[in-house]
Amino acid sequence: MILFIVIFCVIIALGFGLAAAWSDFNSMTIPNMYSALIAVSFLPAFAFVNLFAPEAEYFSSLLSHFVALGIVFAITYALFATKTLGGGDAKLCSAYALWVGVQGLAPLLFFMGLVGGILGLLTLGLAKRKVVETPKKDSWLDKAQKGQREVPYGIAITAGAILAFIYQGYLSSESIKGLM
């Protein structure tokens, strides 16, 4: 039962991340509900592991997860306040920081930055060369092809989260066996 609940919560967290990435690609917005569900899905997963399989070492300490959330929230809030990062991006990144804890912050931020850099280069390239004749209005492609330099960072955040989940072992057979 614990394995089912934890895997279900991981699927919810990654599934809503993919939905956020898709939404950001299509409309340059991330609904608040997606980030909320990602964050909330962490709580039952953490509770069930610590109540029924504390020896599994699947998660770090609760303090580690909340410290990561606090650090990322403070940084992304400052970026939002300076209009460097969107509010949806800040919430999405903070929700994933809660999941990965302090130990998972480096891979989350590294891969997020790497994918974000690639998206930034693509955005610059799309301003010079139109690859889609009639992109969806107000989508990233539409804005990029018009020369606007907005990047759908929800894609980068979700990619970073997926790779951080792999790094943390949330998807490994070894970690999953520890929950049985």
Protein backbone atom coordinates (compact mmCIF):
# COMPACT_ATOMS: atom_id res chain seq x y z
CA MET A 1 0.00 0.00 0.00
CA ILE A 2 2.79 2.44 0.89
CA LEU A 3 4.49 1.79 -2.45
CA PHE A 4 1.27 2.57 -4.32
CA ILE A 5 0.73 5.83 -2.43
CA VAL A 6 4.31 7.06 -2.89
CA ILE A 7 4.42 6.16 -6.60
CA PHE A 8 1.00 7.75 -7.07
CA CYS A 9 2.25 10.98 -5.42
CA VAL A 10 5.41 10.99 -7.58
CA ILE A 11 3.27 10.53 -10.69
CA ILE A 12 1.02 13.41 -9.59
CA ALA A 13 4.05 15.65 -9.00
CA LEU A 14 5.62 14.87 -12.36
CA GLY A 15 2.32 14.79 -14.24
CA PHE A 16 1.30 18.25 -13.10
CA GLY A 17 4.82 19.45 -13.89
CA LEU A 18 4.36 18.23 -17.45
CA ALA A 19 0.97 19.95 -17.55
CA ALA A 20 2.62 23.16 -16.31
CA ALA A 21 5.32 22.88 -18.97
CA TRP A 22 2.68 22.37 -21.67
CA SER A 23 0.64 25.31 -20.39
CA ASP A 24 3.73 27.53 -20.33
CA PHE A 25 4.59 26.49 -23.89
CA ASN A 26 1.05 27.21 -25.11
CA SER A 27 0.17 30.37 -23.20
CA MET A 28 3.22 31.49 -21.20
CA THR A 29 1.24 30.91 -17.99
CA ILE A 30 1.29 28.24 -15.30
CA PRO A 31 -1.94 27.74 -13.34
CA ASN A 32 -1.44 28.04 -9.57
CA MET A 33 -3.33 24.78 -9.06
CA TYR A 34 -0.54 22.79 -10.73
CA SER A 35 2.11 24.04 -8.31
CA ALA A 36 -0.23 23.58 -5.36
CA LEU A 37 -0.95 19.96 -6.30
CA ILE A 38 2.76 19.25 -6.76
CA ALA A 39 3.52 20.63 -3.29
CA VAL A 40 0.53 18.97 -1.63
CA SER A 41 1.36 15.58 -3.19
CA PHE A 42 4.66 15.62 -1.29
CA LEU A 43 2.93 15.56 2.09
CA PRO A 44 1.22 12.13 1.94
CA ALA A 45 4.27 10.60 0.26
CA PHE A 46 6.56 11.89 3.00
CA ALA A 47 4.13 10.96 5.77
CA PHE A 48 3.59 7.40 4.56
CA VAL A 49 7.30 6.72 4.07
CA ASN A 50 8.18 8.05 7.51
CA LEU A 51 5.31 6.31 9.27
CA PHE A 52 5.48 2.91 7.61
CA ALA A 53 9.00 2.58 6.16
CA PRO A 54 11.34 4.96 8.05
CA GLU A 55 14.28 2.67 7.36
CA ALA A 56 13.83 3.16 3.60
CA GLU A 57 15.75 6.48 3.53
CA TYR A 58 13.62 7.51 0.56
CA PHE A 59 13.37 11.15 1.65
CA SER A 60 15.70 13.46 3.58
CA SER A 61 14.56 14.95 6.87
CA LEU A 62 11.46 17.11 6.83
CA LEU A 63 13.67 20.05 7.81
CA SER A 64 15.79 19.54 4.68
CA HIS A 65 12.71 19.67 2.48
CA PHE A 66 11.35 22.81 4.13
CA VAL A 67 14.75 24.53 4.08
CA ALA A 68 14.98 23.84 0.33
CA LEU A 69 11.48 25.25 -0.12
CA GLY A 70 12.40 28.37 1.87
CA ILE A 71 15.65 28.98 -0.01
CA VAL A 72 14.09 28.58 -3.44
CA PHE A 73 11.00 30.56 -2.52
CA ALA A 74 13.13 33.48 -1.26
CA ILE A 75 15.29 33.51 -4.38
CA THR A 76 12.42 33.09 -6.85
CA TYR A 77 10.34 35.69 -5.03
CA ALA A 78 13.20 38.16 -5.39
CA LEU A 79 13.46 37.28 -9.10
CA PHE A 80 9.70 37.74 -9.44
CA ALA A 81 9.84 41.10 -7.64
CA THR A 82 12.47 42.29 -10.14
CA LYS A 83 10.37 40.94 -13.04
CA THR A 84 13.12 38.49 -13.96
CA LEU A 85 10.96 35.41 -13.38
CA GLY A 86 7.23 34.86 -13.63
CA GLY A 87 5.08 34.16 -10.60
CA GLY A 88 4.01 30.77 -11.92
CA ASP A 89 7.65 29.81 -12.46
CA ALA A 90 8.52 30.86 -8.90
CA LYS A 91 5.72 28.74 -7.44
CA LEU A 92 6.52 25.73 -9.62
CA CYS A 93 10.21 25.81 -8.73
CA SER A 94 9.40 26.18 -5.03
CA ALA A 95 7.02 23.20 -5.15
CA TYR A 96 9.72 21.02 -6.67
CA ALA A 97 12.28 22.28 -4.14
CA LEU A 98 9.99 20.94 -1.42
CA TRP A 99 10.10 17.53 -3.09
CA VAL A 100 13.87 17.29 -3.60
CA GLY A 101 15.13 18.78 -0.34
CA VAL A 102 18.51 20.43 0.15
CA GLN A 103 20.38 17.41 -1.30
CA GLY A 104 18.41 17.62 -4.53
CA LEU A 105 18.68 21.38 -5.04
CA ALA A 106 21.96 21.26 -6.99
CA PRO A 107 20.67 18.85 -9.65
CA LEU A 108 17.30 20.63 -9.81
CA LEU A 109 18.89 24.04 -10.35
CA PHE A 110 21.69 22.77 -12.62
CA PHE A 111 19.41 20.95 -15.04
CA MET A 112 16.80 23.70 -14.85
CA GLY A 113 19.47 26.25 -15.79
CA LEU A 114 20.82 24.07 -18.57
CA VAL A 115 17.42 23.52 -20.18
CA GLY A 116 16.52 27.18 -19.56
CA GLY A 117 19.68 28.26 -21.38
CA ILE A 118 18.81 26.06 -24.34
CA LEU A 119 15.29 27.51 -24.40
CA GLY A 120 16.78 31.01 -24.25
CA LEU A 121 18.97 30.29 -27.27
CA LEU A 122 15.99 28.84 -29.12
CA THR A 123 13.99 31.96 -28.30
CA LEU A 124 16.72 34.15 -29.79
CA GLY A 125 16.91 31.90 -32.84
CA LEU A 126 13.16 31.97 -33.38
CA ALA A 127 13.26 35.77 -33.50
CA LYS A 128 15.51 35.51 -36.55
CA ARG A 129 13.87 32.60 -38.31
CA LYS A 130 10.19 31.76 -38.36
CA VAL A 131 9.75 28.02 -38.27
CA VAL A 132 5.99 27.95 -37.77
CA GLU A 133 3.76 29.83 -40.21
CA THR A 134 0.83 30.44 -37.88
CA PRO A 135 1.71 29.65 -34.28
CA LYS A 136 -1.00 29.70 -31.63
CA LYS A 137 -1.65 33.30 -30.57
CA ASP A 138 0.25 34.31 -27.41
CA SER A 139 2.14 31.00 -27.30
CA TRP A 140 5.89 30.92 -26.76
CA LEU A 141 6.43 30.28 -30.48
CA ASP A 142 4.23 33.25 -31.38
CA LYS A 143 6.01 35.59 -28.99
CA ALA A 144 9.49 34.32 -29.85
CA GLN A 145 8.92 34.68 -33.58
CA LYS A 146 7.77 38.28 -32.95
CA GLY A 147 11.09 38.99 -31.22
CA GLN A 148 9.87 38.93 -27.62
CA ARG A 149 12.46 37.41 -25.32
CA GLU A 150 10.20 35.49 -22.97
CA VAL A 151 11.21 31.93 -22.12
CA PRO A 152 8.70 29.26 -21.01
CA TYR A 153 10.68 28.44 -17.89
CA GLY A 154 8.05 25.94 -16.75
CA ILE A 155 9.58 23.56 -19.29
CA ALA A 156 13.04 24.04 -17.79
CA ILE A 157 11.79 23.68 -14.22
CA THR A 158 9.93 20.47 -15.01
CA ALA A 159 12.92 19.02 -16.88
CA GLY A 160 15.13 19.89 -13.91
CA ALA A 161 12.64 18.29 -11.53
CA ILE A 162 12.45 15.06 -13.52
CA LEU A 163 16.23 14.78 -13.55
CA ALA A 164 16.43 15.71 -9.85
CA PHE A 165 13.86 13.01 -9.05
CA ILE A 166 16.06 10.53 -10.89
CA TYR A 167 19.14 11.82 -9.04
CA GLN A 168 17.33 11.54 -5.70
CA GLY A 169 16.39 7.95 -6.51
CA TYR A 170 12.65 8.56 -6.44
CA LEU A 171 12.30 6.57 -9.66
CA SER A 172 14.97 3.90 -9.07
CA SER A 173 14.08 0.28 -8.51
CA GLU A 174 16.46 0.18 -5.51
CA SER A 175 14.61 2.97 -3.70
CA ILE A 176 11.23 1.55 -4.61
CA LYS A 177 12.21 -1.88 -3.28
CA GLY A 178 13.05 -0.19 0.04
CA LEU A 179 9.41 0.85 0.33
CA MET A 180 8.09 -2.69 0.09
